[in-house]
Every structure is written in structure tokens, then in C-alpha cells.
Protein backbone atom coordinates (compact mmCIF):
# COMPACT_ATOMS: atom_id res chain seq x y z
CA MET A 1 12.97 -12.49 -1.63
CA ARG A 2 15.61 -12.99 1.07
CA LEU A 3 17.58 -10.09 2.53
CA TRP A 4 20.91 -11.37 1.17
CA GLN A 5 19.36 -11.64 -2.28
CA LYS A 6 18.08 -8.06 -2.09
CA ILE A 7 21.48 -6.77 -0.96
CA PHE A 8 23.32 -8.83 -3.58
CA LEU A 9 21.05 -7.89 -6.47
CA THR A 10 20.87 -4.22 -5.50
CA THR A 11 24.64 -3.89 -5.12
CA LEU A 12 25.26 -5.83 -8.33
CA ALA A 13 22.79 -3.66 -10.22
CA LEU A 14 24.47 -0.48 -8.93
CA MET A 15 27.89 -1.86 -9.83
CA VAL A 16 26.80 -2.86 -13.35
CA LEU A 17 25.03 0.47 -13.82
CA SER A 18 28.04 2.49 -12.71
CA THR A 19 30.39 0.37 -14.86
CA THR A 20 28.10 0.77 -17.85
CA LEU A 21 27.85 4.53 -17.39
CA VAL A 22 31.62 4.93 -17.06
CA SER A 23 32.20 2.72 -20.10
CA ALA A 24 29.60 4.63 -22.10
CA LEU A 25 31.24 7.95 -21.19
CA LEU A 26 34.67 6.63 -22.15
CA LEU A 27 33.33 5.28 -25.43
CA LYS A 28 31.61 8.57 -26.19
CA ASN A 29 34.71 10.60 -25.45
CA SER A 30 36.83 8.26 -27.56
CA ARG A 31 34.31 8.36 -30.41
CA ASP A 32 34.08 12.16 -30.29
CA ALA A 33 37.87 12.47 -30.32
CA LEU A 34 38.21 10.11 -33.29
CA TRP A 35 35.51 11.88 -35.28
CA GLN A 36 36.99 15.26 -34.48
CA ARG A 37 40.35 14.05 -35.73
CA GLU A 38 38.73 12.56 -38.83
CA GLY A 39 36.83 15.79 -39.45
CA GLN A 40 40.03 17.83 -39.26
CA ARG A 41 41.67 15.41 -41.69
CA ALA A 42 38.76 15.78 -44.12
CA VAL A 43 38.83 19.58 -43.87
CA THR A 44 42.58 19.59 -44.51
CA GLN A 45 42.10 17.39 -47.58
CA GLN A 46 39.26 19.61 -48.71
CA ARG A 47 41.45 22.70 -48.48
CA TYR A 48 44.11 20.95 -50.50
CA LEU A 49 41.53 20.15 -53.20
CA ALA A 50 40.27 23.72 -53.17
CA GLY A 51 43.82 25.04 -53.54
CA MET A 52 44.48 22.61 -56.37
CA LEU A 53 41.28 23.79 -58.08
CA ARG A 54 42.30 27.45 -57.88
CA ALA A 55 45.81 26.67 -59.06
CA GLY A 56 44.44 24.78 -62.08
CA VAL A 57 42.22 27.71 -63.07
CA VAL A 58 45.06 30.23 -62.64
CA SER A 59 47.35 28.02 -64.72
CA ARG A 60 44.77 27.91 -67.51
CA ARG A 61 44.37 31.70 -67.41
CA LEU A 62 48.14 32.15 -67.70
CA GLN A 63 48.29 29.73 -70.58
CA LEU A 64 45.66 31.72 -72.44
CA GLY A 65 47.34 34.99 -71.55
CA GLN A 66 44.16 36.51 -70.22
CA VAL A 67 43.65 38.80 -67.27
CA GLN A 68 40.59 36.87 -66.22
CA LEU A 69 38.86 33.84 -67.64
CA GLU A 70 35.37 34.00 -68.89
CA GLU A 71 32.87 32.42 -66.52
CA ASP A 72 32.11 29.49 -68.81
CA GLU A 73 35.80 28.90 -69.39
CA ALA A 74 36.43 29.05 -65.67
CA ARG A 75 33.68 26.50 -65.00
CA GLN A 76 34.99 24.11 -67.62
CA THR A 77 38.53 24.46 -66.33
CA ALA A 78 37.45 23.77 -62.75
CA ALA A 79 35.52 20.67 -63.80
CA GLN A 80 38.48 19.48 -65.90
CA VAL A 81 40.88 19.93 -62.96
CA LEU A 82 38.62 17.77 -60.71
CA SER A 83 38.26 15.13 -63.37
CA GLN A 84 42.04 14.74 -63.37
CA GLN A 85 42.09 14.15 -59.60
CA ALA A 86 42.70 10.50 -58.86
CA LEU A 87 40.38 8.78 -56.40
CA ASP A 88 41.68 6.32 -53.81
CA ASP A 89 40.54 4.29 -50.78
CA TYR A 90 40.12 7.47 -48.76
CA LEU A 91 38.91 10.02 -51.32
CA SER A 92 36.01 8.15 -52.86
CA GLY A 93 34.18 10.88 -54.78
CA LEU A 94 34.07 14.52 -55.87
CA LEU A 95 31.28 16.97 -56.62
CA LEU A 96 31.40 20.53 -57.98
CA LEU A 97 28.31 22.74 -57.89
CA ASP A 98 27.76 26.19 -59.39
CA GLU A 99 26.44 29.02 -57.28
CA ASP A 100 22.94 28.25 -58.55
CA ASP A 101 23.40 24.63 -57.37
CA SER A 102 23.74 23.29 -60.89
CA GLU A 103 26.14 20.37 -61.25
CA LEU A 104 29.51 21.10 -62.97
CA PHE A 105 31.23 17.81 -62.16
CA ALA A 106 30.27 14.66 -60.24
CA SER A 107 32.14 11.45 -59.54
CA LEU A 108 30.35 9.73 -56.64
CA PRO A 109 30.33 6.13 -55.33
CA GLU A 110 27.55 4.49 -57.30
CA GLY A 111 24.60 3.40 -55.20
CA ASP A 112 26.09 4.75 -51.93
CA VAL A 113 26.09 8.56 -52.15
CA GLU A 114 23.59 10.87 -53.82
CA ARG A 115 24.07 14.52 -54.57
CA ALA A 116 21.13 15.36 -52.34
CA GLY A 117 22.94 13.82 -49.38
CA PHE A 118 25.62 16.53 -49.29
CA PRO A 119 25.24 19.01 -46.42
CA ALA A 120 25.06 22.75 -46.88
CA SER A 121 25.59 25.51 -44.37
CA GLU A 122 22.85 27.99 -43.69
CA ASP A 123 24.73 30.96 -45.12
CA GLY A 124 26.72 28.96 -47.69
CA ASN A 125 30.07 30.25 -46.35
CA GLU A 126 31.07 27.44 -44.01
CA THR A 127 32.72 24.07 -44.43
CA VAL A 128 30.40 21.36 -43.14
CA TYR A 129 30.51 17.55 -43.11
CA VAL A 130 28.12 14.72 -42.27
CA LEU A 131 28.35 10.94 -41.81
CA ARG A 132 26.39 8.67 -44.15
CA GLN A 133 26.15 4.87 -44.42
CA GLY A 134 26.49 3.19 -47.78
CA ALA A 135 24.64 0.20 -49.17
CA ALA A 136 27.01 -2.28 -47.53
CA GLU A 137 27.01 -2.69 -43.75
CA ASP A 138 30.65 -1.67 -43.38
CA ALA A 139 30.49 1.15 -45.97
CA TRP A 140 30.56 4.53 -44.25
CA TYR A 141 31.33 7.90 -45.85
CA LEU A 142 32.10 11.37 -44.59
CA LEU A 143 30.51 13.93 -46.94
CA CYS A 144 32.30 17.29 -46.81
CA SER A 145 31.10 20.51 -48.48
CA MET A 146 33.24 23.68 -48.80
CA PRO A 147 32.62 27.03 -50.55
CA VAL A 148 35.31 27.88 -53.15
CA THR A 149 35.86 31.18 -55.05
CA VAL A 150 37.41 30.66 -58.48
CA GLU A 151 38.12 33.84 -60.42
CA SER A 152 34.80 35.65 -59.98
CA LEU A 153 32.79 32.49 -59.52
CA ARG A 154 31.41 31.21 -56.17
CA LEU A 155 31.38 27.43 -56.36
CA ARG A 156 30.82 24.66 -53.83
CA LEU A 157 33.25 21.77 -53.68
CA GLY A 158 32.08 18.45 -52.31
CA ALA A 159 34.19 15.44 -51.42
CA VAL A 160 33.38 11.90 -50.26
CA TYR A 161 35.81 10.30 -47.80
CA SER A 162 35.56 6.61 -46.97
CA VAL A 163 35.63 6.08 -43.18
CA GLY A 164 34.41 2.47 -42.98
CA ASP A 165 37.64 1.42 -41.25
CA LEU A 166 37.02 4.02 -38.54
CA GLN A 167 33.48 2.77 -37.98
CA THR A 168 34.77 -0.80 -37.74
CA GLN A 169 37.38 0.34 -35.26
CA LEU A 170 34.72 2.04 -33.13
CA ARG A 171 32.45 -1.01 -33.30
CA ASP A 172 35.27 -3.33 -32.25
CA GLN A 173 36.16 -0.97 -29.44
CA ALA A 174 32.53 -0.99 -28.19
CA ALA A 175 32.44 -4.80 -28.36
CA ARG A 176 35.68 -5.08 -26.35
CA THR A 177 34.29 -2.65 -23.79
CA VAL A 178 31.06 -4.63 -23.40
CA LEU A 179 33.07 -7.83 -22.99
CA LEU A 180 35.27 -6.21 -20.34
CA CYS A 181 32.18 -4.92 -18.50
CA LEU A 182 30.66 -8.40 -18.57
CA VAL A 183 33.84 -10.03 -17.23
CA PHE A 184 34.21 -7.36 -14.57
CA SER A 185 30.55 -7.74 -13.54
CA LEU A 186 30.83 -11.52 -13.24
CA ALA A 187 34.00 -11.24 -11.19
CA GLY A 188 32.43 -8.56 -9.04
CA ALA A 189 29.32 -10.69 -8.57
CA ALA A 190 31.42 -13.60 -7.30
CA VAL A 191 33.33 -11.39 -4.86
CA LEU A 192 30.13 -9.68 -3.79
CA MET A 193 28.41 -13.03 -3.13
CA VAL A 194 31.23 -14.10 -0.80
CA LEU A 195 31.18 -10.76 1.04
CA VAL A 196 27.40 -10.80 1.50
CA TRP A 197 27.47 -14.37 2.79
CA PHE A 198 30.27 -13.57 5.23
CA LEU A 199 28.69 -10.34 6.52
CA LEU A 200 25.18 -11.78 6.92
CA ARG A 201 26.20 -15.06 8.50
CA PRO A 202 25.44 -13.75 12.04
CA LEU A 203 22.02 -12.63 10.83
CA SER A 204 21.24 -16.20 9.73
CA ALA A 205 21.99 -17.40 13.26
CA LEU A 206 19.69 -14.71 14.64
CA ASP A 207 16.97 -15.81 12.23
CA LYS A 208 17.15 -19.44 13.39
CA SER A 209 16.95 -18.41 17.04
CA ALA A 210 14.06 -16.05 16.33
CA ARG A 211 12.16 -18.88 14.61
CA ARG A 212 12.53 -21.02 17.72
CA VAL A 213 11.14 -18.16 19.80
CA ALA A 214 8.26 -17.76 17.33
CA ARG A 215 7.39 -21.46 17.73
CA GLY A 216 6.78 -20.89 21.43
CA ARG A 217 10.19 -21.43 22.98
CA TYR A 218 10.10 -18.09 24.78
CA ALA A 219 13.01 -19.08 27.01
CA GLU A 220 15.28 -19.10 23.94
CA ARG A 221 17.83 -16.29 23.96
CA LEU A 222 20.05 -15.01 21.17
CA ASP A 223 23.81 -14.53 21.25
CA GLU A 224 24.54 -10.90 22.15
CA SER A 225 28.29 -10.96 21.56
CA GLY A 226 29.76 -8.12 19.55
CA SER A 227 29.18 -4.38 19.35
CA ASP A 228 27.65 -3.92 15.91
CA GLU A 229 24.05 -3.46 14.83
CA LEU A 230 23.43 -7.23 14.83
CA ALA A 231 24.40 -7.42 18.49
CA ASP A 232 22.00 -4.56 19.23
CA LEU A 233 19.30 -6.42 17.31
CA ALA A 234 19.97 -9.59 19.34
CA ARG A 235 19.65 -7.66 22.61
CA ASP A 236 16.39 -6.06 21.43
CA MET A 237 14.98 -9.43 20.37
CA ASN A 238 15.95 -10.96 23.71
CA ALA A 239 14.16 -8.13 25.49
CA MET A 240 11.13 -8.66 23.24
CA ALA A 241 11.14 -12.41 23.92
CA GLN A 242 11.28 -11.76 27.67
CA ALA A 243 8.41 -9.28 27.42
CA VAL A 244 6.37 -11.73 25.37
CA GLN A 245 7.07 -14.52 27.83
CA ASP A 246 6.01 -12.33 30.76
CA ARG A 247 2.91 -11.18 28.90
CA VAL A 248 1.91 -14.72 27.92
CA GLU A 249 2.26 -15.91 31.49
CA GLN A 250 0.23 -12.94 32.68
CA LEU A 251 -2.52 -13.52 30.11
CA GLU A 252 -2.66 -17.21 30.92
CA GLN A 253 -3.11 -16.37 34.59
CA VAL A 254 -5.77 -13.75 33.84
CA ALA A 255 -7.59 -16.13 31.51
CA GLU A 256 -7.54 -18.86 34.13
CA ASP A 257 -8.84 -16.49 36.81
CA ARG A 258 -11.64 -15.34 34.52
CA ARG A 259 -12.61 -18.87 33.55
CA VAL A 260 -12.85 -19.79 37.22
CA PHE A 261 -14.83 -16.65 37.99
CA ILE A 262 -17.25 -17.11 35.10
CA GLY A 263 -17.79 -20.76 36.03
CA ASN A 264 -18.53 -19.80 39.61
CA LEU A 265 -20.80 -16.97 38.46
CA ALA A 266 -22.81 -19.29 36.22
CA HIS A 267 -23.06 -21.82 39.02
CA GLU A 268 -24.23 -19.22 41.53
CA MET A 269 -26.85 -17.99 39.05
CA LYS A 270 -28.28 -21.48 38.58
CA THR A 271 -28.43 -22.33 42.29
CA PRO A 272 -30.95 -19.60 43.37
CA LEU A 273 -32.90 -20.04 40.15
CA THR A 274 -33.56 -23.67 41.06
CA SER A 275 -34.86 -22.52 44.44
CA ILE A 276 -37.01 -19.81 42.82
CA LEU A 277 -38.63 -22.40 40.61
CA GLY A 278 -39.38 -24.58 43.65
CA PHE A 279 -40.81 -21.75 45.75
CA ALA A 280 -42.80 -20.39 42.81
CA ASP A 281 -44.88 -23.57 42.86
CA LEU A 282 -45.63 -23.01 46.58
CA LEU A 283 -46.91 -19.47 45.97
CA TYR A 284 -50.15 -20.83 44.58
CA LEU A 285 -51.52 -21.26 48.17
CA PRO A 286 -50.74 -18.11 50.27
CA LYS A 287 -53.66 -16.80 52.42
CA GLU A 288 -52.85 -13.08 52.30
CA VAL A 289 -53.49 -12.70 48.52
CA SER A 290 -56.39 -13.60 46.34
CA ASP A 291 -56.32 -16.72 44.27
CA ALA A 292 -56.17 -14.76 41.01
CA ASP A 293 -53.21 -12.60 42.19
CA ARG A 294 -51.45 -15.61 43.62
CA VAL A 295 -51.70 -17.50 40.35
CA GLU A 296 -50.57 -14.46 38.33
CA TYR A 297 -47.58 -13.79 40.59
CA ALA A 298 -46.58 -17.42 40.52
CA ARG A 299 -46.84 -17.51 36.75
CA VAL A 300 -44.61 -14.42 36.33
CA ILE A 301 -42.04 -15.73 38.80
CA SER A 302 -42.00 -19.14 37.17
CA GLU A 303 -41.59 -17.71 33.65
CA GLU A 304 -38.85 -15.30 34.73
CA ALA A 305 -36.98 -18.06 36.53
CA LYS A 306 -37.13 -20.30 33.48
CA ARG A 307 -35.98 -17.41 31.31
CA LEU A 308 -33.00 -16.67 33.55
CA LYS A 309 -32.02 -20.31 33.72
CA SER A 310 -32.06 -20.54 29.91
CA LEU A 311 -30.25 -17.25 29.66
CA SER A 312 -27.47 -18.32 32.03
CA GLY A 313 -26.53 -21.16 29.70
CA LYS A 314 -26.42 -18.86 26.67
CA LEU A 315 -24.41 -16.21 28.50
CA LEU A 316 -21.97 -18.84 29.71
CA GLU A 317 -21.49 -20.00 26.12
CA LEU A 318 -21.06 -16.43 24.89
CA ILE A 319 -18.37 -15.63 27.44
CA THR A 320 -16.44 -18.88 27.63
CA LEU A 321 -16.53 -19.83 23.96
CA GLY A 322 -16.84 -16.36 22.42
CA SER A 323 -19.86 -17.36 20.37
CA ALA A 324 -23.16 -19.17 20.76
CA ASN A 325 -25.54 -21.02 18.51
CA ILE A 326 -28.07 -18.23 18.40
CA GLU A 327 -31.20 -18.56 16.31
CA LEU A 328 -32.72 -15.18 15.46
CA ALA A 329 -36.42 -14.84 14.76
CA PRO A 330 -38.59 -11.77 14.13
CA ALA A 331 -40.22 -10.39 17.28
CA PRO A 332 -42.20 -7.17 17.95
CA LEU A 333 -39.95 -4.68 19.70
CA ASN A 334 -42.81 -3.11 21.71
CA GLU A 335 -43.83 -6.47 23.21
CA VAL A 336 -40.27 -7.29 24.27
CA ALA A 337 -39.79 -3.80 25.76
CA ASP A 338 -43.11 -4.01 27.63
CA GLU A 339 -42.15 -7.39 29.10
CA VAL A 340 -38.88 -5.95 30.35
CA ALA A 341 -40.67 -2.91 31.80
CA VAL A 342 -43.17 -5.16 33.62
CA SER A 343 -40.39 -7.33 35.08
CA LEU A 344 -38.53 -4.22 36.26
CA ARG A 345 -41.57 -2.41 37.73
CA PRO A 346 -41.19 -3.76 41.31
CA VAL A 347 -37.48 -2.93 41.55
CA MET A 348 -38.07 0.50 40.02
CA GLU A 349 -40.79 1.25 42.51
CA GLN A 350 -38.52 0.08 45.30
CA SER A 351 -35.80 2.45 44.04
CA GLY A 352 -38.29 5.32 43.69
CA LEU A 353 -37.70 5.67 39.95
CA ASP A 354 -40.12 6.33 37.11
CA LEU A 355 -39.62 4.22 33.95
CA THR A 356 -41.19 5.38 30.68
CA CYS A 357 -41.34 3.04 27.72
CA ALA A 358 -42.25 4.11 24.17
CA CYS A 359 -41.29 1.66 21.44
CA PRO A 360 -42.95 1.03 18.07
CA GLY A 361 -44.25 -2.37 17.02
CA VAL A 362 -41.53 -2.86 14.40
CA GLU A 363 -40.14 -6.38 14.19
CA VAL A 364 -36.46 -7.12 14.80
CA ASP A 365 -34.61 -10.40 14.23
CA MET A 366 -33.61 -11.43 17.75
CA ASP A 367 -33.10 -14.11 20.31
CA ARG A 368 -35.94 -12.98 22.53
CA GLU A 369 -34.39 -13.91 25.87
CA LEU A 370 -30.99 -12.46 25.03
CA PHE A 371 -32.59 -9.26 23.75
CA LYS A 372 -34.64 -8.90 26.92
CA SER A 373 -31.47 -9.45 28.92
CA LEU A 374 -29.80 -6.65 26.91
CA LEU A 375 -32.53 -4.15 27.74
CA TYR A 376 -32.78 -5.39 31.33
CA ASN A 377 -29.04 -4.93 31.93
CA LEU A 378 -28.99 -1.44 30.43
CA LEU A 379 -32.02 -0.29 32.43
CA ASP A 380 -30.72 -1.92 35.61
CA ASN A 381 -27.38 -0.11 35.15
CA GLY A 382 -29.30 3.14 34.74
CA ARG A 383 -31.26 2.36 37.90
CA LYS A 384 -28.07 1.81 39.89
CA ALA A 385 -26.64 5.13 38.61
CA SER A 386 -29.83 7.14 39.42
CA GLU A 387 -30.92 8.81 42.63
CA LYS A 388 -34.26 8.18 44.24
CA GLY A 389 -37.03 10.20 42.62
CA GLY A 390 -35.34 10.16 39.21
CA LYS A 391 -36.49 8.64 35.95
CA LEU A 392 -35.41 6.34 33.14
CA ASP A 393 -36.43 6.47 29.47
CA LEU A 394 -36.66 3.58 27.04
CA ALA A 395 -37.61 4.75 23.54
CA ALA A 396 -37.15 3.61 19.96
CA LYS A 397 -37.73 4.82 16.41
CA ALA A 398 -37.57 3.06 13.05
CA GLU A 399 -36.33 4.61 9.80
CA ASP A 400 -34.48 3.55 6.63
CA GLY A 401 -34.55 -0.15 7.45
CA THR A 402 -33.07 0.23 10.93
CA VAL A 403 -34.44 0.72 14.41
CA THR A 404 -32.72 2.93 16.97
CA ILE A 405 -33.23 2.20 20.66
CA LEU A 406 -32.41 4.89 23.23
CA VAL A 407 -31.83 4.06 26.90
CA ARG A 408 -31.35 7.21 29.00
CA ASP A 409 -30.81 7.84 32.66
CA TYR A 410 -30.30 11.13 34.49
CA GLY A 411 -27.94 9.90 37.17
CA ARG A 412 -24.28 10.26 38.08
CA GLY A 413 -22.82 9.85 34.55
CA ILE A 414 -19.51 8.33 33.53
CA PRO A 415 -16.14 10.12 33.20
CA GLN A 416 -15.12 10.56 29.57
CA GLU A 417 -11.85 8.69 30.02
CA GLU A 418 -13.78 5.66 31.35
CA ILE A 419 -16.33 5.33 28.53
CA ALA A 420 -14.00 3.37 26.26
CA LYS A 421 -13.29 0.87 29.06
CA ILE A 422 -16.68 0.15 30.59
CA THR A 423 -17.56 -2.52 28.01
CA GLN A 424 -14.47 -4.54 28.91
CA PRO A 425 -15.21 -7.67 30.96
CA PHE A 426 -14.75 -7.23 34.73
CA TYR A 427 -14.14 -3.49 34.42
CA MET A 428 -15.98 -1.33 36.96
CA VAL A 429 -15.82 2.45 37.23
CA ASP A 430 -16.65 2.46 40.95
CA LYS A 431 -15.70 -0.99 42.25
CA SER A 432 -16.96 -0.52 45.80
CA ARG A 433 -20.35 0.83 44.69
CA ALA A 434 -20.66 -1.90 42.03
CA ARG A 435 -19.97 -4.69 44.52
CA LYS A 436 -22.50 -3.28 46.98
CA ALA A 437 -25.07 -3.31 44.17
CA GLY A 438 -24.23 -6.94 43.40
CA GLY A 439 -22.32 -6.26 40.16
CA ALA A 440 -19.31 -8.12 38.79
CA GLY A 441 -18.32 -5.86 35.90
CA LEU A 442 -19.96 -8.10 33.30
CA GLY A 443 -23.20 -6.25 32.47
CA LEU A 444 -22.02 -3.95 29.68
CA ALA A 445 -19.54 -6.51 28.37
CA LEU A 446 -22.44 -8.97 27.94
CA CYS A 447 -24.54 -6.22 26.36
CA ARG A 448 -21.80 -5.57 23.82
CA GLU A 449 -21.66 -9.27 22.91
CA ILE A 450 -25.44 -9.50 22.63
CA VAL A 451 -25.52 -6.45 20.35
CA SER A 452 -22.74 -7.98 18.22
CA VAL A 453 -24.50 -11.33 17.67
CA HIS A 454 -27.63 -9.41 16.65
CA GLY A 455 -25.68 -7.45 14.00
CA GLY A 456 -26.18 -4.12 15.78
CA THR A 457 -24.09 -1.26 17.14
CA MET A 458 -23.89 0.34 20.57
CA ASP A 459 -22.84 3.90 21.31
CA ILE A 460 -22.41 5.34 24.82
CA GLN A 461 -22.50 9.06 25.60
CA SER A 462 -22.33 10.40 29.13
CA ILE A 463 -21.85 13.64 31.05
CA LEU A 464 -20.86 13.65 34.72
CA GLY A 465 -23.78 14.77 36.89
CA GLU A 466 -26.25 14.74 33.98
CA GLY A 467 -26.62 11.08 33.05
CA THR A 468 -25.91 8.60 30.30
CA LEU A 469 -27.45 7.93 26.88
CA ILE A 470 -26.95 4.54 25.24
CA THR A 471 -27.92 4.27 21.57
CA LEU A 472 -28.54 0.85 20.04
CA THR A 473 -29.04 0.36 16.31
CA PHE A 474 -30.37 -2.86 14.72
CA PRO A 475 -31.60 -3.80 11.26
CA VAL A 476 -35.35 -4.23 10.90
CA SER A 477 -36.59 -7.71 9.99
CA ALA A 478 -37.06 -8.24 6.28
CA PRO A 479 -40.66 -9.05 5.31
CA ALA A 480 -41.29 -12.72 4.70
CA GLU A 481 -41.45 -13.68 1.00
CA GLY A 482 -44.95 -14.46 -0.19
CA GLY A 483 -46.40 -13.33 3.15
CA GLY A 484 -49.96 -12.05 3.28
CA GLN A 485 -52.45 -10.69 5.75
CA ASP A 486 -54.43 -13.01 7.95
CA GLY A 487 -58.01 -13.29 6.84
């Protein structure tokens, strides 16, 4: 829903609600006033009837020359007096009840009012009235009940007053009020629509300009004329567009620099590897080593060179494209770890470090070369951070369908504020030391990507002066369906 629609509908709803509430209050007050007036009229009429009833009984007593009428005579006289009362359009019925609620006289509108419908006060000493609807839709009656003392008798006089005209008047008044509210709401809606359109017209212009900026036209700027909130919004959006434009240009430059660097890095990795492969073939004939050692050394160098050449292509694809077509296959973790330890043994001995390796033979779905590169990079980073005479630990344990690999060094450690950044590409904690060691800030970034494509997690904990612990977690390979033991 558009903003102008929200403003229009919300304001219209509030206007209609307030108009309805005011109209309802006015109708209620008018209705209450009319019914109060009608109630007073009925009570006045009731008092007149009660006075007429007493006067009729007194007149009968005087005619008979008695000090006081007998109770039966008084009841008959009271009923006779009411029977002589003419009914009209307003006074529609009469009812006279004895103090034991027995009926002395009744003349009620047939089919509209029953004796049981007359109200009665709790103590029997009050005049009360109630509204009742008759059989017809426009037939409404006000039933009034009043206690009357005649001679020594306590009677209750009931009267039925027709108030259908009043109900019709109230209904017509409510209909006129609803019609006026409807007309007022429609007129208000038209005026409100014009006001909303006029007030939000500058916002529409801002929206069109913002859409052009969103489509990449970062040089687009909005009109900042005026001093209201829309002008402030235009200035803020212009500042945002400028910041976005600067940031995009900066990111494009950084991305270009990194693409060039990564391309050069991959090229420089392939160039010495080609030479290593050529020289590895010549190592079969040195005189200072035995034939068996010469063949073994040449085989290891040749295999490692081929592995690195294959790995360089995969790493290039991981970094430049963000993903690689990796095919994972189950491989024993202890074999892969032992191969990495063997390949690192010469450089560890040269650095005066002791490497311990203890991994179970659990199988993990992996790209073997990438996984070996992961362990190699982590151990090589630990080597660079360790002092001569130190040690490195490579251990693993399997439980609950996962395998946890721990790579620990006891070297310089990493500052806590740097831990969250060291897996970012090209980030180096100590740039001068890293460059001297031949690093480019890619090792841990590549490790993070390798862990991700293997569906694992990597956690780094470090304490300055005490070393670093890297925890890798991977799912264990699911057993092959229908697999059996070799016979």
C-alpha cells in the first residue's frame, strides 16, 4: 500500500470514527431527553388517574353516607371508576391490581401487552415504567405502574401509553444523522484526497529520483529546495547517494586490485612448479645418494609438485569465482594427516620444531588435495608463529557423527581484537613478518573457504604469548548402503 493511501485511509477512518462517535453521543443525549420527557408525561398522567380513582371512591362513600367503604365495595368502586375512563391514542390500556396481585380490572391492547409485562418496584412503593414493543413493528408502549391507596386498600394502578410516534421520530432522526455523516464523510474524503495529493507531490518527485539512483545512476541528485522535512530527506538521500558512489568506486578498485593480485599469485605458483617437475626427473641420477633414496625423493617431489599444480587451479577457482566444482569422496583422516606430516617434516626440522600427529582412521568426505592444503596451511601458520625448539600438535577425535580436528601451536598468539579479521583475504596481523615469511594474507582465508565447501566449521582461540588453538569440525562419512567387509 502506498504512503498516500495509508495517510488518506487512516485520516478518513479517524474522521469517520470521530464523526460517528459525536453523532452517537448526540443521538443518545437526544433520545435520553425525549424519553425523560415522555416518562414525566406518563407519570403526570398516572397521577391524574390515581387522583381520579380516589375521587371516585370518595364520591361513592359520600353517596352511601358511610364513614368508610367496605373493602369489597371499595374494590368494586375503583374498578368501576377505571372502566368509565375513556381510552385514546395515547392512553391505550388500564390495569388495577389488589395488594395480593389479584386482578380487579384490566383493559389492555389485545395481543400487544400482557399483565406479566408490567414492571414492579422492589419495595412496591415507587412509580416505575418500562418500554415494550407490540406485535406490529411501529407499535411501542410505555408501561407505567404506580402504588395507590384507596380508603384502607393498597392497590397498584397500571397504565399503557402508546409511544409509537416517539419511536418513529427517534428512528427518523437516527436515519437523518447517518445520512448526514455519510455526506460529510464523502465530502471530507474528497477534500482530504486533494490535500494529500498536494502535500505529497514533492515526495513523488523524490521517489522518482531515488529510483534512478537505485538503478545505478549514482550521479543523480535530488532537489534540496525548501526547509521542511522533505528537503531534509532530499539532502540525506543525496549524501547517501554520494557515499554509495564513493563506496562502489572504492570496491571496484579493490576488487580489480585483488583480481590482478590473485592472477599474479596463481601464475607465480605455477611457474616454479613447472621447474620442480622438470628437476624432479633429473634427481634420479645424483651420485651423493643411493639409488633407492634418489628414487624415493624424486617420487615424493614429483607427487607434491603435481598436487600443488592441481591445487593452484582449484584455489584460483575458489577465490576468483567464489565456488568450485568440488567432488567429495570418503578418505581416511589418519592417512591424509600422515601425508601432510611427512611433507612438512623437512621444514619442521629446519625450523627446530617437533610435530606430533594423532588422528583416528575415521573417514571424512573430502577433496583430498584441498583437505591436505587446509591442514598444511594451518600447520605452516603455526610453524611461522613458533620459536625454535617449540612444538605443534595435530590431533582429532570422532564422536556423535562428527570429527573434531585440533591444530595447536605454542607460539606468539594473536591479539583478541584481530581474531575476527584474520580470515579475511589479504589481512595480515604483522605485515612485515608475514612478507618476510613469504605470506600474502591468503592462508586462513583459503582455509575458511575449504572448510566451508566441506560443510565444516572453524573456530580460532588464541592467547598472546601462549599460542593458538584452531578447532575444525566435519561430519563423518555415512556408511555406504549395502556395503560389506572384504573377504
